[in-house]
Amino acid sequence: MKLQECAKCGKRIAEGETVCPCCMRETAEAAAHELWDIARILEITAGTDANIRDAARGITSIAEKLERGK
């Protein structure tokens, strides 16, 4: 099996992968935190518009999936 370097940390990983599992997890966690921040901002006006409420629900759902590692 050929090895290459992780794009973020330089750790040796299998060819065809971009980042190692640790870096992938860190990236997902960072994305989840950003989505939670966006959801909190949208919740300020969530009572005023159904579209905003739906967007906040969708972002929250994505953040939850990222935190669970799915």
PDB file of N, CA and C in Angstrom:
ATOM      1  N   MET A   1       0.846  -1.177   0.000  1.00  0.00           N
ATOM      2  CA  MET A   1       0.000   0.000   0.000  1.00  0.00           C
ATOM      3  C   MET A   1       0.895   1.245   0.000  1.00  0.00           C
ATOM      4  N   LYS A   2       0.597   2.181  -0.884  1.00  0.00           N
ATOM      5  CA  LYS A   2       1.346   3.426  -0.960  1.00  0.00           C
ATOM      6  C   LYS A   2       0.846   4.380   0.106  1.00  0.00           C
ATOM      7  N   LEU A   3       1.759   5.178   0.625  1.00  0.00           N
ATOM      8  CA  LEU A   3       1.412   6.159   1.646  1.00  0.00           C
ATOM      9  C   LEU A   3       1.672   7.566   1.127  1.00  0.00           C
ATOM     10  N   GLN A   4       0.939   8.509   1.679  1.00  0.00           N
ATOM     11  CA  GLN A   4       1.158   9.916   1.379  1.00  0.00           C
ATOM     12  C   GLN A   4       1.005  10.680   2.686  1.00  0.00           C
ATOM     13  N   GLU A   5       1.192  11.992   2.655  1.00  0.00           N
ATOM     14  CA  GLU A   5       1.109  12.796   3.863  1.00  0.00           C
ATOM     15  C   GLU A   5      -0.259  13.451   4.001  1.00  0.00           C
ATOM     16  N   CYS A   6      -0.710  13.563   5.264  1.00  0.00           N
ATOM     17  CA  CYS A   6      -1.932  14.303   5.581  1.00  0.00           C
ATOM     18  C   CYS A   6      -1.711  15.761   5.175  1.00  0.00           C
ATOM     19  N   ALA A   7      -2.708  16.357   4.544  1.00  0.00           N
ATOM     20  CA  ALA A   7      -2.600  17.737   4.080  1.00  0.00           C
ATOM     21  C   ALA A   7      -2.498  18.739   5.226  1.00  0.00           C
ATOM     22  N   LYS A   8      -2.961  18.351   6.421  1.00  0.00           N
ATOM     23  CA  LYS A   8      -2.949  19.282   7.548  1.00  0.00           C
ATOM     24  C   LYS A   8      -1.755  19.091   8.475  1.00  0.00           C
ATOM     25  N   CYS A   9      -1.465  17.835   8.851  1.00  0.00           N
ATOM     26  CA  CYS A   9      -0.440  17.607   9.880  1.00  0.00           C
ATOM     27  C   CYS A   9       0.802  16.884   9.368  1.00  0.00           C
ATOM     28  N   GLY A  10       0.744  16.316   8.182  1.00  0.00           N
ATOM     29  CA  GLY A  10       1.896  15.632   7.625  1.00  0.00           C
ATOM     30  C   GLY A  10       2.037  14.171   8.015  1.00  0.00           C
ATOM     31  N   LYS A  11       1.105  13.660   8.816  1.00  0.00           N
ATOM     32  CA  LYS A  11       1.139  12.250   9.214  1.00  0.00           C
ATOM     33  C   LYS A  11       0.969  11.368   7.982  1.00  0.00           C
ATOM     34  N   ARG A  12       1.572  10.196   7.986  1.00  0.00           N
ATOM     35  CA  ARG A  12       1.476   9.263   6.864  1.00  0.00           C
ATOM     36  C   ARG A  12       0.087   8.624   6.841  1.00  0.00           C
ATOM     37  N   ILE A  13      -0.558   8.683   5.680  1.00  0.00           N
ATOM     38  CA  ILE A  13      -1.900   8.117   5.497  1.00  0.00           C
ATOM     39  C   ILE A  13      -1.933   7.342   4.187  1.00  0.00           C
ATOM     40  N   ALA A  14      -2.977   6.565   4.009  1.00  0.00           N
ATOM     41  CA  ALA A  14      -3.128   5.767   2.793  1.00  0.00           C
ATOM     42  C   ALA A  14      -3.308   6.674   1.582  1.00  0.00           C
ATOM     43  N   GLU A  15      -2.791   6.219   0.460  1.00  0.00           N
ATOM     44  CA  GLU A  15      -2.923   6.963  -0.784  1.00  0.00           C
ATOM     45  C   GLU A  15      -4.404   7.119  -1.125  1.00  0.00           C
ATOM     46  N   GLY A  16      -4.775   8.299  -1.577  1.00  0.00           N
ATOM     47  CA  GLY A  16      -6.158   8.572  -1.942  1.00  0.00           C
ATOM     48  C   GLY A  16      -6.913   9.328  -0.861  1.00  0.00           C
ATOM     49  N   GLU A  17      -6.391   9.296   0.363  1.00  0.00           N
ATOM     50  CA  GLU A  17      -7.002  10.078   1.436  1.00  0.00           C
ATOM     51  C   GLU A  17      -6.379  11.466   1.431  1.00  0.00           C
ATOM     52  N   THR A  18      -7.100  12.434   1.954  1.00  0.00           N
ATOM     53  CA  THR A  18      -6.590  13.797   1.983  1.00  0.00           C
ATOM     54  C   THR A  18      -6.031  14.149   3.351  1.00  0.00           C
ATOM     55  N   VAL A  19      -6.794  13.790   4.399  1.00  0.00           N
ATOM     56  CA  VAL A  19      -6.370  14.085   5.768  1.00  0.00           C
ATOM     57  C   VAL A  19      -6.502  12.837   6.626  1.00  0.00           C
ATOM     58  N   CYS A  20      -5.761  12.816   7.728  1.00  0.00           N
ATOM     59  CA  CYS A  20      -5.818  11.679   8.643  1.00  0.00           C
ATOM     60  C   CYS A  20      -7.112  11.744   9.461  1.00  0.00           C
ATOM     61  N   PRO A  21      -7.508  10.661  10.107  1.00  0.00           N
ATOM     62  CA  PRO A  21      -8.744  10.649  10.895  1.00  0.00           C
ATOM     63  C   PRO A  21      -8.782  11.726  11.982  1.00  0.00           C
ATOM     64  N   CYS A  22      -7.647  11.993  12.636  1.00  0.00           N
ATOM     65  CA  CYS A  22      -7.620  13.018  13.691  1.00  0.00           C
ATOM     66  C   CYS A  22      -7.928  14.406  13.122  1.00  0.00           C
ATOM     67  N   CYS A  23      -7.297  14.740  12.017  1.00  0.00           N
ATOM     68  CA  CYS A  23      -7.535  16.039  11.392  1.00  0.00           C
ATOM     69  C   CYS A  23      -8.958  16.138  10.851  1.00  0.00           C
ATOM     70  N   MET A  24      -9.492  15.026  10.328  1.00  0.00           N
ATOM     71  CA  MET A  24     -10.858  15.018   9.829  1.00  0.00           C
ATOM     72  C   MET A  24     -11.839  15.293  10.970  1.00  0.00           C
ATOM     73  N   ARG A  25     -11.593  14.672  12.119  1.00  0.00           N
ATOM     74  CA  ARG A  25     -12.452  14.867  13.290  1.00  0.00           C
ATOM     75  C   ARG A  25     -12.384  16.320  13.760  1.00  0.00           C
ATOM     76  N   GLU A  26     -11.166  16.874  13.810  1.00  0.00           N
ATOM     77  CA  GLU A  26     -10.994  18.271  14.213  1.00  0.00           C
ATOM     78  C   GLU A  26     -11.725  19.213  13.265  1.00  0.00           C
ATOM     79  N   THR A  27     -11.646  18.936  11.970  1.00  0.00           N
ATOM     80  CA  THR A  27     -12.318  19.761  10.971  1.00  0.00           C
ATOM     81  C   THR A  27     -13.831  19.692  11.143  1.00  0.00           C
ATOM     82  N   ALA A  28     -14.354  18.492  11.382  1.00  0.00           N
ATOM     83  CA  ALA A  28     -15.797  18.325  11.589  1.00  0.00           C
ATOM     84  C   ALA A  28     -16.249  19.044  12.843  1.00  0.00           C
ATOM     85  N   GLU A  29     -15.448  18.965  13.913  1.00  0.00           N
ATOM     86  CA  GLU A  29     -15.799  19.644  15.159  1.00  0.00           C
ATOM     87  C   GLU A  29     -15.822  21.156  14.963  1.00  0.00           C
ATOM     88  N   ALA A  30     -14.839  21.676  14.240  1.00  0.00           N
ATOM     89  CA  ALA A  30     -14.795  23.115  13.977  1.00  0.00           C
ATOM     90  C   ALA A  30     -16.010  23.543  13.153  1.00  0.00           C
ATOM     91  N   ALA A  31     -16.367  22.742  12.155  1.00  0.00           N
ATOM     92  CA  ALA A  31     -17.534  23.059  11.332  1.00  0.00           C
ATOM     93  C   ALA A  31     -18.807  23.028  12.166  1.00  0.00           C
ATOM     94  N   ALA A  32     -18.905  22.056  13.066  1.00  0.00           N
ATOM     95  CA  ALA A  32     -20.091  21.968  13.926  1.00  0.00           C
ATOM     96  C   ALA A  32     -20.213  23.208  14.799  1.00  0.00           C
ATOM     97  N   HIS A  33     -19.101  23.665  15.355  1.00  0.00           N
ATOM     98  CA  HIS A  33     -19.140  24.867  16.197  1.00  0.00           C
ATOM     99  C   HIS A  33     -19.578  26.087  15.390  1.00  0.00           C
ATOM    100  N   GLU A  34     -19.079  26.203  14.174  1.00  0.00           N
ATOM    101  CA  GLU A  34     -19.479  27.323  13.331  1.00  0.00           C
ATOM    102  C   GLU A  34     -20.966  27.267  13.008  1.00  0.00           C
ATOM    103  N   LEU A  35     -21.469  26.065  12.726  1.00  0.00           N
ATOM    104  CA  LEU A  35     -22.895  25.925  12.425  1.00  0.00           C
ATOM    105  C   LEU A  35     -23.753  26.256  13.637  1.00  0.00           C
ATOM    106  N   TRP A  36     -23.288  25.855  14.834  1.00  0.00           N
ATOM    107  CA  TRP A  36     -24.037  26.211  16.048  1.00  0.00           C
ATOM    108  C   TRP A  36     -24.085  27.732  16.209  1.00  0.00           C
ATOM    109  N   ASP A  37     -22.987  28.418  15.908  1.00  0.00           N
ATOM    110  CA  ASP A  37     -22.967  29.878  15.992  1.00  0.00           C
ATOM    111  C   ASP A  37     -23.969  30.491  15.018  1.00  0.00           C
ATOM    112  N   ILE A  38     -24.003  29.973  13.800  1.00  0.00           N
ATOM    113  CA  ILE A  38     -24.957  30.469  12.797  1.00  0.00           C
ATOM    114  C   ILE A  38     -26.386  30.215  13.262  1.00  0.00           C
ATOM    115  N   ALA A  39     -26.635  29.034  13.812  1.00  0.00           N
ATOM    116  CA  ALA A  39     -27.982  28.704  14.285  1.00  0.00           C
ATOM    117  C   ALA A  39     -28.414  29.653  15.396  1.00  0.00           C
ATOM    118  N   ARG A  40     -27.489  29.992  16.287  1.00  0.00           N
ATOM    119  CA  ARG A  40     -27.832  30.931  17.377  1.00  0.00           C
ATOM    120  C   ARG A  40     -28.193  32.304  16.822  1.00  0.00           C
ATOM    121  N   ILE A  41     -27.475  32.737  15.800  1.00  0.00           N
ATOM    122  CA  ILE A  41     -27.779  34.029  15.183  1.00  0.00           C
ATOM    123  C   ILE A  41     -29.159  33.988  14.541  1.00  0.00           C
ATOM    124  N   LEU A  42     -29.463  32.904  13.818  1.00  0.00           N
ATOM    125  CA  LEU A  42     -30.760  32.798  13.157  1.00  0.00           C
ATOM    126  C   LEU A  42     -31.901  32.705  14.157  1.00  0.00           C
ATOM    127  N   GLU A  43     -31.643  32.158  15.333  1.00  0.00           N
ATOM    128  CA  GLU A  43     -32.703  32.029  16.329  1.00  0.00           C
ATOM    129  C   GLU A  43     -33.190  33.379  16.828  1.00  0.00           C
ATOM    130  N   ILE A  44     -32.396  34.422  16.666  1.00  0.00           N
ATOM    131  CA  ILE A  44     -32.805  35.767  17.090  1.00  0.00           C
ATOM    132  C   ILE A  44     -34.082  36.170  16.355  1.00  0.00           C
ATOM    133  N   THR A  45     -34.173  35.807  15.082  1.00  0.00           N
ATOM    134  CA  THR A  45     -35.343  36.190  14.288  1.00  0.00           C
ATOM    135  C   THR A  45     -36.201  34.987  13.911  1.00  0.00           C
ATOM    136  N   ALA A  46     -35.973  33.852  14.537  1.00  0.00           N
ATOM    137  CA  ALA A  46     -36.673  32.626  14.156  1.00  0.00           C
ATOM    138  C   ALA A  46     -38.189  32.727  14.312  1.00  0.00           C
ATOM    139  N   GLY A  47     -38.659  33.538  15.217  1.00  0.00           N
ATOM    140  CA  GLY A  47     -40.093  33.663  15.411  1.00  0.00           C
ATOM    141  C   GLY A  47     -40.778  34.506  14.356  1.00  0.00           C
ATOM    142  N   THR A  48     -40.028  35.155  13.497  1.00  0.00           N
ATOM    143  CA  THR A  48     -40.624  36.082  12.543  1.00  0.00           C
ATOM    144  C   THR A  48     -40.837  35.514  11.151  1.00  0.00           C
ATOM    145  N   ASP A  49     -40.164  34.418  10.810  1.00  0.00           N
ATOM    146  CA  ASP A  49     -40.268  33.941   9.448  1.00  0.00           C
ATOM    147  C   ASP A  49     -40.067  32.430   9.404  1.00  0.00           C
ATOM    148  N   ALA A  50     -40.953  31.731   8.712  1.00  0.00           N
ATOM    149  CA  ALA A  50     -40.876  30.269   8.624  1.00  0.00           C
ATOM    150  C   ALA A  50     -39.606  29.817   7.921  1.00  0.00           C
ATOM    151  N   ASN A  51     -39.141  30.570   6.917  1.00  0.00           N
ATOM    152  CA  ASN A  51     -37.916  30.195   6.208  1.00  0.00           C
ATOM    153  C   ASN A  51     -36.700  30.238   7.134  1.00  0.00           C
ATOM    154  N   ILE A  52     -36.624  31.259   7.955  1.00  0.00           N
ATOM    155  CA  ILE A  52     -35.510  31.364   8.895  1.00  0.00           C
ATOM    156  C   ILE A  52     -35.577  30.231   9.910  1.00  0.00           C
ATOM    157  N   ARG A  53     -36.778  29.924  10.353  1.00  0.00           N
ATOM    158  CA  ARG A  53     -36.967  28.828  11.313  1.00  0.00           C
ATOM    159  C   ARG A  53     -36.514  27.501  10.695  1.00  0.00           C
ATOM    160  N   ASP A  54     -36.879  27.256   9.440  1.00  0.00           N
ATOM    161  CA  ASP A  54     -36.469  26.041   8.746  1.00  0.00           C
ATOM    162  C   ASP A  54     -34.947  26.003   8.556  1.00  0.00           C
ATOM    163  N   ALA A  55     -34.348  27.144   8.218  1.00  0.00           N
ATOM    164  CA  ALA A  55     -32.899  27.205   8.042  1.00  0.00           C
ATOM    165  C   ALA A  55     -32.180  26.892   9.351  1.00  0.00           C
ATOM    166  N   ALA A  56     -32.669  27.458  10.444  1.00  0.00           N
ATOM    167  CA  ALA A  56     -32.062  27.204  11.750  1.00  0.00           C
ATOM    168  C   ALA A  56     -32.169  25.729  12.108  1.00  0.00           C
ATOM    169  N   ARG A  57     -33.312  25.123  11.823  1.00  0.00           N
ATOM    170  CA  ARG A  57     -33.503  23.698  12.094  1.00  0.00           C
ATOM    171  C   ARG A  57     -32.526  22.852  11.270  1.00  0.00           C
ATOM    172  N   GLY A  58     -32.362  23.200  10.000  1.00  0.00           N
ATOM    173  CA  GLY A  58     -31.453  22.463   9.132  1.00  0.00           C
ATOM    174  C   GLY A  58     -30.000  22.584   9.574  1.00  0.00           C
ATOM    175  N   ILE A  59     -29.583  23.781   9.927  1.00  0.00           N
ATOM    176  CA  ILE A  59     -28.211  23.995  10.385  1.00  0.00           C
ATOM    177  C   ILE A  59     -27.965  23.246  11.685  1.00  0.00           C
ATOM    178  N   THR A  60     -28.937  23.279  12.586  1.00  0.00           N
ATOM    179  CA  THR A  60     -28.808  22.553  13.850  1.00  0.00           C
ATOM    180  C   THR A  60     -28.679  21.062  13.595  1.00  0.00           C
ATOM    181  N   SER A  61     -29.443  20.549  12.662  1.00  0.00           N
ATOM    182  CA  SER A  61     -29.382  19.131  12.325  1.00  0.00           C
ATOM    183  C   SER A  61     -28.006  18.749  11.783  1.00  0.00           C
ATOM    184  N   ILE A  62     -27.460  19.568  10.901  1.00  0.00           N
ATOM    185  CA  ILE A  62     -26.126  19.293  10.352  1.00  0.00           C
ATOM    186  C   ILE A  62     -25.085  19.326  11.458  1.00  0.00           C
ATOM    187  N   ALA A  63     -25.167  20.311  12.343  1.00  0.00           N
ATOM    188  CA  ALA A  63     -24.206  20.412  13.442  1.00  0.00           C
ATOM    189  C   ALA A  63     -24.277  19.186  14.341  1.00  0.00           C
ATOM    190  N   GLU A  64     -25.472  18.715  14.626  1.00  0.00           N
ATOM    191  CA  GLU A  64     -25.621  17.520  15.462  1.00  0.00           C
ATOM    192  C   GLU A  64     -24.996  16.298  14.788  1.00  0.00           C
ATOM    193  N   LYS A  65     -25.207  16.145  13.482  1.00  0.00           N
ATOM    194  CA  LYS A  65     -24.624  15.007  12.764  1.00  0.00           C
ATOM    195  C   LYS A  65     -23.095  15.083  12.766  1.00  0.00           C
ATOM    196  N   LEU A  66     -22.543  16.276  12.574  1.00  0.00           N
ATOM    197  CA  LEU A  66     -21.090  16.431  12.590  1.00  0.00           C
ATOM    198  C   LEU A  66     -20.527  16.081  13.966  1.00  0.00           C
ATOM    199  N   GLU A  67     -21.224  16.495  15.017  1.00  0.00           N
ATOM    200  CA  GLU A  67     -20.747  16.194  16.368  1.00  0.00           C
ATOM    201  C   GLU A  67     -20.790  14.692  16.657  1.00  0.00           C
ATOM    202  N   ARG A  68     -21.764  13.998  16.073  1.00  0.00           N
ATOM    203  CA  ARG A  68     -21.863  12.544  16.276  1.00  0.00           C
ATOM    204  C   ARG A  68     -20.920  11.780  15.364  1.00  0.00           C
ATOM    205  N   GLY A  69     -20.309  12.465  14.410  1.00  0.00           N
ATOM    206  CA  GLY A  69     -19.345  11.831  13.516  1.00  0.00           C
ATOM    207  C   GLY A  69     -19.977  11.134  12.333  1.00  0.00           C
ATOM    208  N   LYS A  70     -21.165  11.560  11.927  1.00  0.00           N
ATOM    209  CA  LYS A  70     -21.840  10.945  10.777  1.00  0.00           C
ATOM    210  C   LYS A  70     -21.668  11.797   9.561  1.00  0.00           C
TER     211      LYS A  70
END
